[in-house]
Amino acid sequence: MNKDKGNRLDEALSNLPNLAFIGLVEQYIDSVNLFNEQFGTRIGCRRVLNRGTQSRANVSEALREFVAMHNREDAVLYTAAENLFAARTRDLRDCYG
């Protein structure tokens, strides 16, 4: 990782806790509940099933490794966001059971 990328990642990681809200699509219901609690709203959860007809593309292992190598910083930032989201939802559950 070059110095410039490292600085941007460090800056993004340090700014993450300052975001008013973090939601994760794979934890949609908890994200909506957290948003409602944080902002005093009553947004409902809408379930939409993805019924597309396309199948997953065949991707070679070499391509997967290439993408992973070039998205390493994104993965680090996303893991930090997941951890912050978990802490915020845990705090919410602790307050309201």
PDB file of N, CA and C in Angstrom:
ATOM      1  N   MET A   1       0.858  -1.175   0.000  1.00  0.00           N
ATOM      2  CA  MET A   1       0.000   0.000   0.000  1.00  0.00           C
ATOM      3  C   MET A   1       0.899   1.232   0.000  1.00  0.00           C
ATOM      4  N   ASN A   2       0.652   2.152  -0.944  1.00  0.00           N
ATOM      5  CA  ASN A   2       1.500   3.337  -0.958  1.00  0.00           C
ATOM      6  C   ASN A   2       1.082   4.315   0.132  1.00  0.00           C
ATOM      7  N   LYS A   3       1.958   5.279   0.398  1.00  0.00           N
ATOM      8  CA  LYS A   3       1.737   6.204   1.508  1.00  0.00           C
ATOM      9  C   LYS A   3       0.446   6.991   1.364  1.00  0.00           C
ATOM     10  N   ASP A   4       0.147   7.452   0.140  1.00  0.00           N
ATOM     11  CA  ASP A   4      -1.062   8.235  -0.093  1.00  0.00           C
ATOM     12  C   ASP A   4      -2.315   7.421   0.217  1.00  0.00           C
ATOM     13  N   LYS A   5      -2.356   6.161  -0.237  1.00  0.00           N
ATOM     14  CA  LYS A   5      -3.501   5.295   0.055  1.00  0.00           C
ATOM     15  C   LYS A   5      -3.626   5.044   1.545  1.00  0.00           C
ATOM     16  N   GLY A   6      -2.493   4.835   2.206  1.00  0.00           N
ATOM     17  CA  GLY A   6      -2.510   4.615   3.645  1.00  0.00           C
ATOM     18  C   GLY A   6      -3.066   5.811   4.388  1.00  0.00           C
ATOM     19  N   ASN A   7      -2.692   7.011   3.957  1.00  0.00           N
ATOM     20  CA  ASN A   7      -3.206   8.221   4.593  1.00  0.00           C
ATOM     21  C   ASN A   7      -4.713   8.356   4.398  1.00  0.00           C
ATOM     22  N   ARG A   8      -5.185   8.042   3.198  1.00  0.00           N
ATOM     23  CA  ARG A   8      -6.631   8.123   2.932  1.00  0.00           C
ATOM     24  C   ARG A   8      -7.384   7.096   3.757  1.00  0.00           C
ATOM     25  N   LEU A   9      -6.843   5.902   3.881  1.00  0.00           N
ATOM     26  CA  LEU A   9      -7.494   4.875   4.683  1.00  0.00           C
ATOM     27  C   LEU A   9      -7.517   5.293   6.145  1.00  0.00           C
ATOM     28  N   ASP A  10      -6.401   5.776   6.652  1.00  0.00           N
ATOM     29  CA  ASP A  10      -6.352   6.233   8.046  1.00  0.00           C
ATOM     30  C   ASP A  10      -7.371   7.351   8.290  1.00  0.00           C
ATOM     31  N   GLU A  11      -7.474   8.271   7.339  1.00  0.00           N
ATOM     32  CA  GLU A  11      -8.435   9.375   7.471  1.00  0.00           C
ATOM     33  C   GLU A  11      -9.875   8.850   7.460  1.00  0.00           C
ATOM     34  N   ALA A  12     -10.163   7.931   6.564  1.00  0.00           N
ATOM     35  CA  ALA A  12     -11.507   7.357   6.497  1.00  0.00           C
ATOM     36  C   ALA A  12     -11.844   6.608   7.775  1.00  0.00           C
ATOM     37  N   LEU A  13     -10.892   5.844   8.295  1.00  0.00           N
ATOM     38  CA  LEU A  13     -11.121   5.098   9.538  1.00  0.00           C
ATOM     39  C   LEU A  13     -11.351   6.037  10.719  1.00  0.00           C
ATOM     40  N   SER A  14     -10.609   7.144  10.758  1.00  0.00           N
ATOM     41  CA  SER A  14     -10.783   8.078  11.877  1.00  0.00           C
ATOM     42  C   SER A  14     -12.087   8.861  11.748  1.00  0.00           C
ATOM     43  N   ASN A  15     -12.590   9.045  10.530  1.00  0.00           N
ATOM     44  CA  ASN A  15     -13.850   9.763  10.330  1.00  0.00           C
ATOM     45  C   ASN A  15     -15.081   8.891  10.535  1.00  0.00           C
ATOM     46  N   LEU A  16     -14.923   7.599  10.439  1.00  0.00           N
ATOM     47  CA  LEU A  16     -16.050   6.676  10.505  1.00  0.00           C
ATOM     48  C   LEU A  16     -16.929   6.883  11.748  1.00  0.00           C
ATOM     49  N   PRO A  17     -16.372   6.989  12.948  1.00  0.00           N
ATOM     50  CA  PRO A  17     -17.228   7.178  14.126  1.00  0.00           C
ATOM     51  C   PRO A  17     -17.993   8.503  14.132  1.00  0.00           C
ATOM     52  N   ASN A  18     -17.563   9.448  13.306  1.00  0.00           N
ATOM     53  CA  ASN A  18     -18.232  10.746  13.259  1.00  0.00           C
ATOM     54  C   ASN A  18     -19.482  10.740  12.388  1.00  0.00           C
ATOM     55  N   LEU A  19     -19.683   9.677  11.628  1.00  0.00           N
ATOM     56  CA  LEU A  19     -20.872   9.603  10.786  1.00  0.00           C
ATOM     57  C   LEU A  19     -22.105   9.438  11.676  1.00  0.00           C
ATOM     58  N   ALA A  20     -23.127  10.204  11.386  1.00  0.00           N
ATOM     59  CA  ALA A  20     -24.342  10.140  12.201  1.00  0.00           C
ATOM     60  C   ALA A  20     -25.013   8.780  12.105  1.00  0.00           C
ATOM     61  N   PHE A  21     -24.885   8.144  10.957  1.00  0.00           N
ATOM     62  CA  PHE A  21     -25.562   6.860  10.773  1.00  0.00           C
ATOM     63  C   PHE A  21     -24.738   5.957   9.867  1.00  0.00           C
ATOM     64  N   ILE A  22     -24.716   4.695  10.222  1.00  0.00           N
ATOM     65  CA  ILE A  22     -24.128   3.653   9.381  1.00  0.00           C
ATOM     66  C   ILE A  22     -25.146   2.532   9.316  1.00  0.00           C
ATOM     67  N   GLY A  23     -25.499   2.114   8.109  1.00  0.00           N
ATOM     68  CA  GLY A  23     -26.394   0.988   7.911  1.00  0.00           C
ATOM     69  C   GLY A  23     -25.749  -0.009   6.978  1.00  0.00           C
ATOM     70  N   LEU A  24     -26.136  -1.253   7.113  1.00  0.00           N
ATOM     71  CA  LEU A  24     -25.598  -2.319   6.273  1.00  0.00           C
ATOM     72  C   LEU A  24     -26.752  -3.020   5.574  1.00  0.00           C
ATOM     73  N   VAL A  25     -26.671  -3.127   4.276  1.00  0.00           N
ATOM     74  CA  VAL A  25     -27.771  -3.726   3.523  1.00  0.00           C
ATOM     75  C   VAL A  25     -28.009  -5.170   3.950  1.00  0.00           C
ATOM     76  N   GLU A  26     -26.954  -5.884   4.314  1.00  0.00           N
ATOM     77  CA  GLU A  26     -27.147  -7.273   4.727  1.00  0.00           C
ATOM     78  C   GLU A  26     -27.740  -7.389   6.127  1.00  0.00           C
ATOM     79  N   GLN A  27     -27.869  -6.258   6.807  1.00  0.00           N
ATOM     80  CA  GLN A  27     -28.552  -6.206   8.106  1.00  0.00           C
ATOM     81  C   GLN A  27     -29.611  -5.102   8.034  1.00  0.00           C
ATOM     82  N   TYR A  28     -30.424  -5.209   6.997  1.00  0.00           N
ATOM     83  CA  TYR A  28     -31.380  -4.165   6.646  1.00  0.00           C
ATOM     84  C   TYR A  28     -32.339  -3.824   7.793  1.00  0.00           C
ATOM     85  N   ILE A  29     -32.972  -4.814   8.382  1.00  0.00           N
ATOM     86  CA  ILE A  29     -33.967  -4.552   9.428  1.00  0.00           C
ATOM     87  C   ILE A  29     -33.317  -3.864  10.622  1.00  0.00           C
ATOM     88  N   ASP A  30     -32.175  -4.359  11.076  1.00  0.00           N
ATOM     89  CA  ASP A  30     -31.472  -3.696  12.181  1.00  0.00           C
ATOM     90  C   ASP A  30     -31.050  -2.285  11.792  1.00  0.00           C
ATOM     91  N   SER A  31     -30.674  -2.085  10.530  1.00  0.00           N
ATOM     92  CA  SER A  31     -30.275  -0.753  10.068  1.00  0.00           C
ATOM     93  C   SER A  31     -31.454   0.215  10.130  1.00  0.00           C
ATOM     94  N   VAL A  32     -32.614  -0.228   9.666  1.00  0.00           N
ATOM     95  CA  VAL A  32     -33.809   0.631   9.703  1.00  0.00           C
ATOM     96  C   VAL A  32     -34.189   0.932  11.147  1.00  0.00           C
ATOM     97  N   ASN A  33     -34.146  -0.069  12.001  1.00  0.00           N
ATOM     98  CA  ASN A  33     -34.476   0.150  13.416  1.00  0.00           C
ATOM     99  C   ASN A  33     -33.512   1.129  14.075  1.00  0.00           C
ATOM    100  N   LEU A  34     -32.235   0.994  13.774  1.00  0.00           N
ATOM    101  CA  LEU A  34     -31.240   1.908  14.326  1.00  0.00           C
ATOM    102  C   LEU A  34     -31.488   3.330  13.821  1.00  0.00           C
ATOM    103  N   PHE A  35     -31.768   3.468  12.536  1.00  0.00           N
ATOM    104  CA  PHE A  35     -32.061   4.787  11.968  1.00  0.00           C
ATOM    105  C   PHE A  35     -33.274   5.412  12.658  1.00  0.00           C
ATOM    106  N   ASN A  36     -34.331   4.637  12.804  1.00  0.00           N
ATOM    107  CA  ASN A  36     -35.535   5.143  13.462  1.00  0.00           C
ATOM    108  C   ASN A  36     -35.244   5.613  14.886  1.00  0.00           C
ATOM    109  N   GLU A  37     -34.465   4.837  15.600  1.00  0.00           N
ATOM    110  CA  GLU A  37     -34.149   5.201  16.985  1.00  0.00           C
ATOM    111  C   GLU A  37     -33.275   6.445  17.042  1.00  0.00           C
ATOM    112  N   GLN A  38     -32.285   6.504  16.191  1.00  0.00           N
ATOM    113  CA  GLN A  38     -31.369   7.643  16.209  1.00  0.00           C
ATOM    114  C   GLN A  38     -32.042   8.953  15.815  1.00  0.00           C
ATOM    115  N   PHE A  39     -32.977   8.886  14.879  1.00  0.00           N
ATOM    116  CA  PHE A  39     -33.543  10.109  14.323  1.00  0.00           C
ATOM    117  C   PHE A  39     -35.018  10.312  14.643  1.00  0.00           C
ATOM    118  N   GLY A  40     -35.582   9.439  15.488  1.00  0.00           N
ATOM    119  CA  GLY A  40     -36.967   9.603  15.912  1.00  0.00           C
ATOM    120  C   GLY A  40     -37.966   9.463  14.778  1.00  0.00           C
ATOM    121  N   THR A  41     -37.679   8.592  13.836  1.00  0.00           N
ATOM    122  CA  THR A  41     -38.578   8.385  12.704  1.00  0.00           C
ATOM    123  C   THR A  41     -39.298   7.055  12.847  1.00  0.00           C
ATOM    124  N   ARG A  42     -40.202   6.802  11.940  1.00  0.00           N
ATOM    125  CA  ARG A  42     -40.942   5.531  11.925  1.00  0.00           C
ATOM    126  C   ARG A  42     -40.947   4.944  10.518  1.00  0.00           C
ATOM    127  N   ILE A  43     -39.785   4.816   9.958  1.00  0.00           N
ATOM    128  CA  ILE A  43     -39.680   4.224   8.632  1.00  0.00           C
ATOM    129  C   ILE A  43     -39.907   2.727   8.762  1.00  0.00           C
ATOM    130  N   GLY A  44     -40.771   2.184   7.934  1.00  0.00           N
ATOM    131  CA  GLY A  44     -41.051   0.753   7.970  1.00  0.00           C
ATOM    132  C   GLY A  44     -40.061  -0.028   7.138  1.00  0.00           C
ATOM    133  N   CYS A  45     -39.962  -1.300   7.426  1.00  0.00           N
ATOM    134  CA  CYS A  45     -39.091  -2.187   6.660  1.00  0.00           C
ATOM    135  C   CYS A  45     -39.892  -2.760   5.509  1.00  0.00           C
ATOM    136  N   ARG A  46     -39.352  -2.635   4.349  1.00  0.00           N
ATOM    137  CA  ARG A  46     -40.007  -3.154   3.154  1.00  0.00           C
ATOM    138  C   ARG A  46     -39.195  -4.318   2.628  1.00  0.00           C
ATOM    139  N   ARG A  47     -39.832  -5.422   2.458  1.00  0.00           N
ATOM    140  CA  ARG A  47     -39.138  -6.604   1.959  1.00  0.00           C
ATOM    141  C   ARG A  47     -39.388  -6.744   0.458  1.00  0.00           C
ATOM    142  N   VAL A  48     -38.314  -6.778  -0.273  1.00  0.00           N
ATOM    143  CA  VAL A  48     -38.389  -6.973  -1.715  1.00  0.00           C
ATOM    144  C   VAL A  48     -37.471  -8.137  -2.049  1.00  0.00           C
ATOM    145  N   LEU A  49     -38.023  -9.130  -2.667  1.00  0.00           N
ATOM    146  CA  LEU A  49     -37.226 -10.292  -3.036  1.00  0.00           C
ATOM    147  C   LEU A  49     -36.614 -10.059  -4.399  1.00  0.00           C
ATOM    148  N   ASN A  50     -35.354 -10.349  -4.513  1.00  0.00           N
ATOM    149  CA  ASN A  50     -34.666 -10.248  -5.793  1.00  0.00           C
ATOM    150  C   ASN A  50     -34.982 -11.517  -6.578  1.00  0.00           C
ATOM    151  N   ARG A  51     -35.784 -11.356  -7.585  1.00  0.00           N
ATOM    152  CA  ARG A  51     -36.197 -12.529  -8.366  1.00  0.00           C
ATOM    153  C   ARG A  51     -35.630 -12.485  -9.777  1.00  0.00           C
ATOM    154  N   GLY A  52     -34.437 -11.970  -9.895  1.00  0.00           N
ATOM    155  CA  GLY A  52     -33.789 -11.896 -11.201  1.00  0.00           C
ATOM    156  C   GLY A  52     -33.571 -13.270 -11.792  1.00  0.00           C
ATOM    157  N   THR A  53     -33.414 -13.304 -13.093  1.00  0.00           N
ATOM    158  CA  THR A  53     -33.214 -14.583 -13.768  1.00  0.00           C
ATOM    159  C   THR A  53     -31.754 -14.846 -14.079  1.00  0.00           C
ATOM    160  N   GLN A  54     -30.897 -13.863 -13.860  1.00  0.00           N
ATOM    161  CA  GLN A  54     -29.484 -14.068 -14.141  1.00  0.00           C
ATOM    162  C   GLN A  54     -28.852 -14.915 -13.056  1.00  0.00           C
ATOM    163  N   SER A  55     -27.970 -15.778 -13.487  1.00  0.00           N
ATOM    164  CA  SER A  55     -27.223 -16.563 -12.516  1.00  0.00           C
ATOM    165  C   SER A  55     -25.895 -15.869 -12.242  1.00  0.00           C
ATOM    166  N   ARG A  56     -25.231 -16.310 -11.230  1.00  0.00           N
ATOM    167  CA  ARG A  56     -23.920 -15.735 -10.917  1.00  0.00           C
ATOM    168  C   ARG A  56     -22.940 -16.046 -12.038  1.00  0.00           C
ATOM    169  N   ALA A  57     -22.138 -15.068 -12.329  1.00  0.00           N
ATOM    170  CA  ALA A  57     -21.132 -15.246 -13.377  1.00  0.00           C
ATOM    171  C   ALA A  57     -20.017 -16.147 -12.879  1.00  0.00           C
ATOM    172  N   ASN A  58     -19.462 -16.900 -13.796  1.00  0.00           N
ATOM    173  CA  ASN A  58     -18.288 -17.698 -13.465  1.00  0.00           C
ATOM    174  C   ASN A  58     -17.085 -16.765 -13.446  1.00  0.00           C
ATOM    175  N   VAL A  59     -16.445 -16.669 -12.303  1.00  0.00           N
ATOM    176  CA  VAL A  59     -15.293 -15.791 -12.138  1.00  0.00           C
ATOM    177  C   VAL A  59     -14.114 -16.658 -11.722  1.00  0.00           C
ATOM    178  N   SER A  60     -13.033 -16.497 -12.425  1.00  0.00           N
ATOM    179  CA  SER A  60     -11.855 -17.314 -12.133  1.00  0.00           C
ATOM    180  C   SER A  60     -11.263 -16.912 -10.775  1.00  0.00           C
ATOM    181  N   GLU A  61     -10.542 -17.831 -10.201  1.00  0.00           N
ATOM    182  CA  GLU A  61      -9.868 -17.567  -8.929  1.00  0.00           C
ATOM    183  C   GLU A  61      -8.847 -16.451  -9.100  1.00  0.00           C
ATOM    184  N   ALA A  62      -8.190 -16.408 -10.236  1.00  0.00           N
ATOM    185  CA  ALA A  62      -7.209 -15.347 -10.493  1.00  0.00           C
ATOM    186  C   ALA A  62      -7.872 -13.974 -10.485  1.00  0.00           C
ATOM    187  N   LEU A  63      -9.049 -13.869 -11.081  1.00  0.00           N
ATOM    188  CA  LEU A  63      -9.766 -12.592 -11.077  1.00  0.00           C
ATOM    189  C   LEU A  63     -10.218 -12.228  -9.673  1.00  0.00           C
ATOM    190  N   ARG A  64     -10.697 -13.204  -8.912  1.00  0.00           N
ATOM    191  CA  ARG A  64     -11.098 -12.946  -7.514  1.00  0.00           C
ATOM    192  C   ARG A  64      -9.911 -12.403  -6.701  1.00  0.00           C
ATOM    193  N   GLU A  65      -8.753 -13.008  -6.881  1.00  0.00           N
ATOM    194  CA  GLU A  65      -7.552 -12.558  -6.173  1.00  0.00           C
ATOM    195  C   GLU A  65      -7.151 -11.151  -6.607  1.00  0.00           C
ATOM    196  N   PHE A  66      -7.252 -10.861  -7.891  1.00  0.00           N
ATOM    197  CA  PHE A  66      -6.936  -9.537  -8.411  1.00  0.00           C
ATOM    198  C   PHE A  66      -7.853  -8.478  -7.794  1.00  0.00           C
ATOM    199  N   VAL A  67      -9.144  -8.753  -7.770  1.00  0.00           N
ATOM    200  CA  VAL A  67     -10.109  -7.813  -7.195  1.00  0.00           C
ATOM    201  C   VAL A  67      -9.835  -7.629  -5.702  1.00  0.00           C
ATOM    202  N   ALA A  68      -9.596  -8.713  -4.988  1.00  0.00           N
ATOM    203  CA  ALA A  68      -9.316  -8.625  -3.554  1.00  0.00           C
ATOM    204  C   ALA A  68      -8.072  -7.791  -3.288  1.00  0.00           C
ATOM    205  N   MET A  69      -7.039  -7.981  -4.099  1.00  0.00           N
ATOM    206  CA  MET A  69      -5.798  -7.235  -3.919  1.00  0.00           C
ATOM    207  C   MET A  69      -6.030  -5.738  -4.121  1.00  0.00           C
ATOM    208  N   HIS A  70      -6.842  -5.377  -5.085  1.00  0.00           N
ATOM    209  CA  HIS A  70      -7.064  -3.975  -5.405  1.00  0.00           C
ATOM    210  C   HIS A  70      -8.172  -3.332  -4.559  1.00  0.00           C
ATOM    211  N   ASN A  71      -8.793  -4.110  -3.711  1.00  0.00           N
ATOM    212  CA  ASN A  71      -9.845  -3.580  -2.845  1.00  0.00           C
ATOM    213  C   ASN A  71      -9.541  -3.812  -1.370  1.00  0.00           C
ATOM    214  N   ARG A  72      -8.286  -4.023  -1.069  1.00  0.00           N
ATOM    215  CA  ARG A  72      -7.879  -4.314   0.303  1.00  0.00           C
ATOM    216  C   ARG A  72      -8.291  -3.204   1.267  1.00  0.00           C
ATOM    217  N   GLU A  73      -8.061  -1.954   0.867  1.00  0.00           N
ATOM    218  CA  GLU A  73      -8.409  -0.824   1.739  1.00  0.00           C
ATOM    219  C   GLU A  73      -9.913  -0.751   1.956  1.00  0.00           C
ATOM    220  N   ASP A  74     -10.691  -1.011   0.898  1.00  0.00           N
ATOM    221  CA  ASP A  74     -12.151  -1.030   1.035  1.00  0.00           C
ATOM    222  C   ASP A  74     -12.584  -2.083   2.043  1.00  0.00           C
ATOM    223  N   ALA A  75     -11.952  -3.239   1.993  1.00  0.00           N
ATOM    224  CA  ALA A  75     -12.301  -4.323   2.910  1.00  0.00           C
ATOM    225  C   ALA A  75     -11.991  -3.938   4.351  1.00  0.00           C
ATOM    226  N   VAL A  76     -10.866  -3.275   4.571  1.00  0.00           N
ATOM    227  CA  VAL A  76     -10.506  -2.825   5.926  1.00  0.00           C
ATOM    228  C   VAL A  76     -11.533  -1.814   6.429  1.00  0.00           C
ATOM    229  N   LEU A  77     -11.900  -0.861   5.600  1.00  0.00           N
ATOM    230  CA  LEU A  77     -12.880   0.156   5.980  1.00  0.00           C
ATOM    231  C   LEU A  77     -14.247  -0.478   6.235  1.00  0.00           C
ATOM    232  N   TYR A  78     -14.646  -1.418   5.388  1.00  0.00           N
ATOM    233  CA  TYR A  78     -15.944  -2.065   5.564  1.00  0.00           C
ATOM    234  C   TYR A  78     -15.985  -2.871   6.860  1.00  0.00           C
ATOM    235  N   THR A  79     -14.905  -3.557   7.184  1.00  0.00           N
ATOM    236  CA  THR A  79     -14.853  -4.307   8.445  1.00  0.00           C
ATOM    237  C   THR A  79     -14.990  -3.358   9.637  1.00  0.00           C
ATOM    238  N   ALA A  80     -14.344  -2.206   9.572  1.00  0.00           N
ATOM    239  CA  ALA A  80     -14.473  -1.221  10.647  1.00  0.00           C
ATOM    240  C   ALA A  80     -15.915  -0.714  10.740  1.00  0.00           C
ATOM    241  N   ALA A  81     -16.560  -0.509   9.605  1.00  0.00           N
ATOM    242  CA  ALA A  81     -17.964  -0.076   9.601  1.00  0.00           C
ATOM    243  C   ALA A  81     -18.862  -1.157  10.189  1.00  0.00           C
ATOM    244  N   GLU A  82     -18.598  -2.413   9.867  1.00  0.00           N
ATOM    245  CA  GLU A  82     -19.371  -3.519  10.451  1.00  0.00           C
ATOM    246  C   GLU A  82     -19.222  -3.543  11.976  1.00  0.00           C
ATOM    247  N   ASN A  83     -18.006  -3.337  12.454  1.00  0.00           N
ATOM    248  CA  ASN A  83     -17.766  -3.346  13.898  1.00  0.00           C
ATOM    249  C   ASN A  83     -18.482  -2.182  14.588  1.00  0.00           C
ATOM    250  N   LEU A  84     -18.443  -1.000  13.976  1.00  0.00           N
ATOM    251  CA  LEU A  84     -19.133   0.155  14.537  1.00  0.00           C
ATOM    252  C   LEU A  84     -20.640  -0.063  14.529  1.00  0.00           C
ATOM    253  N   PHE A  85     -21.164  -0.609  13.452  1.00  0.00           N
ATOM    254  CA  PHE A  85     -22.593  -0.916  13.361  1.00  0.00           C
ATOM    255  C   PHE A  85     -22.987  -1.899  14.465  1.00  0.00           C
ATOM    256  N   ALA A  86     -22.191  -2.935  14.658  1.00  0.00           N
ATOM    257  CA  ALA A  86     -22.480  -3.924  15.702  1.00  0.00           C
ATOM    258  C   ALA A  86     -22.500  -3.275  17.084  1.00  0.00           C
ATOM    259  N   ALA A  87     -21.560  -2.382  17.333  1.00  0.00           N
ATOM    260  CA  ALA A  87     -21.521  -1.700  18.631  1.00  0.00           C
ATOM    261  C   ALA A  87     -22.753  -0.810  18.814  1.00  0.00           C
ATOM    262  N   ARG A  88     -23.140  -0.099  17.764  1.00  0.00           N
ATOM    263  CA  ARG A  88     -24.299   0.793  17.873  1.00  0.00           C
ATOM    264  C   ARG A  88     -25.590   0.011  18.042  1.00  0.00           C
ATOM    265  N   THR A  89     -25.747  -1.107  17.349  1.00  0.00           N
ATOM    266  CA  THR A  89     -26.965  -1.898  17.522  1.00  0.00           C
ATOM    267  C   THR A  89     -26.959  -2.604  18.881  1.00  0.00           C
ATOM    268  N   ARG A  90     -25.786  -2.988  19.361  1.00  0.00           N
ATOM    269  CA  ARG A  90     -25.687  -3.591  20.690  1.00  0.00           C
ATOM    270  C   ARG A  90     -26.074  -2.575  21.748  1.00  0.00           C
ATOM    271  N   ASP A  91     -25.612  -1.339  21.617  1.00  0.00           N
ATOM    272  CA  ASP A  91     -25.980  -0.276  22.551  1.00  0.00           C
ATOM    273  C   ASP A  91     -27.486  -0.059  22.550  1.00  0.00           C
ATOM    274  N   LEU A  92     -28.097  -0.115  21.366  1.00  0.00           N
ATOM    275  CA  LEU A  92     -29.541   0.070  21.247  1.00  0.00           C
ATOM    276  C   LEU A  92     -30.278  -1.067  21.947  1.00  0.00           C
ATOM    277  N   ARG A  93     -29.821  -2.291  21.748  1.00  0.00           N
ATOM    278  CA  ARG A  93     -30.457  -3.449  22.402  1.00  0.00           C
ATOM    279  C   ARG A  93     -30.289  -3.375  23.919  1.00  0.00           C
ATOM    280  N   ASP A  94     -29.126  -2.918  24.368  1.00  0.00           N
ATOM    281  CA  ASP A  94     -28.895  -2.785  25.811  1.00  0.00           C
ATOM    282  C   ASP A  94     -29.863  -1.779  26.436  1.00  0.00           C
ATOM    283  N   CYS A  95     -30.188  -0.721  25.697  1.00  0.00           N
ATOM    284  CA  CYS A  95     -31.095   0.307  26.214  1.00  0.00           C
ATOM    285  C   CYS A  95     -32.546  -0.168  26.210  1.00  0.00           C
ATOM    286  N   TYR A  96     -32.925  -0.939  25.179  1.00  0.00           N
ATOM    287  CA  TYR A  96     -34.341  -1.258  25.009  1.00  0.00           C
ATOM    288  C   TYR A  96     -34.659  -2.750  25.095  1.00  0.00           C
ATOM    289  N   GLY A  97     -33.661  -3.531  25.376  1.00  0.00           N
ATOM    290  CA  GLY A  97     -33.889  -4.959  25.570  1.00  0.00           C
ATOM    291  C   GLY A  97     -34.051  -5.724  24.365  1.00  0.00           C
TER     292      GLY A  97
END
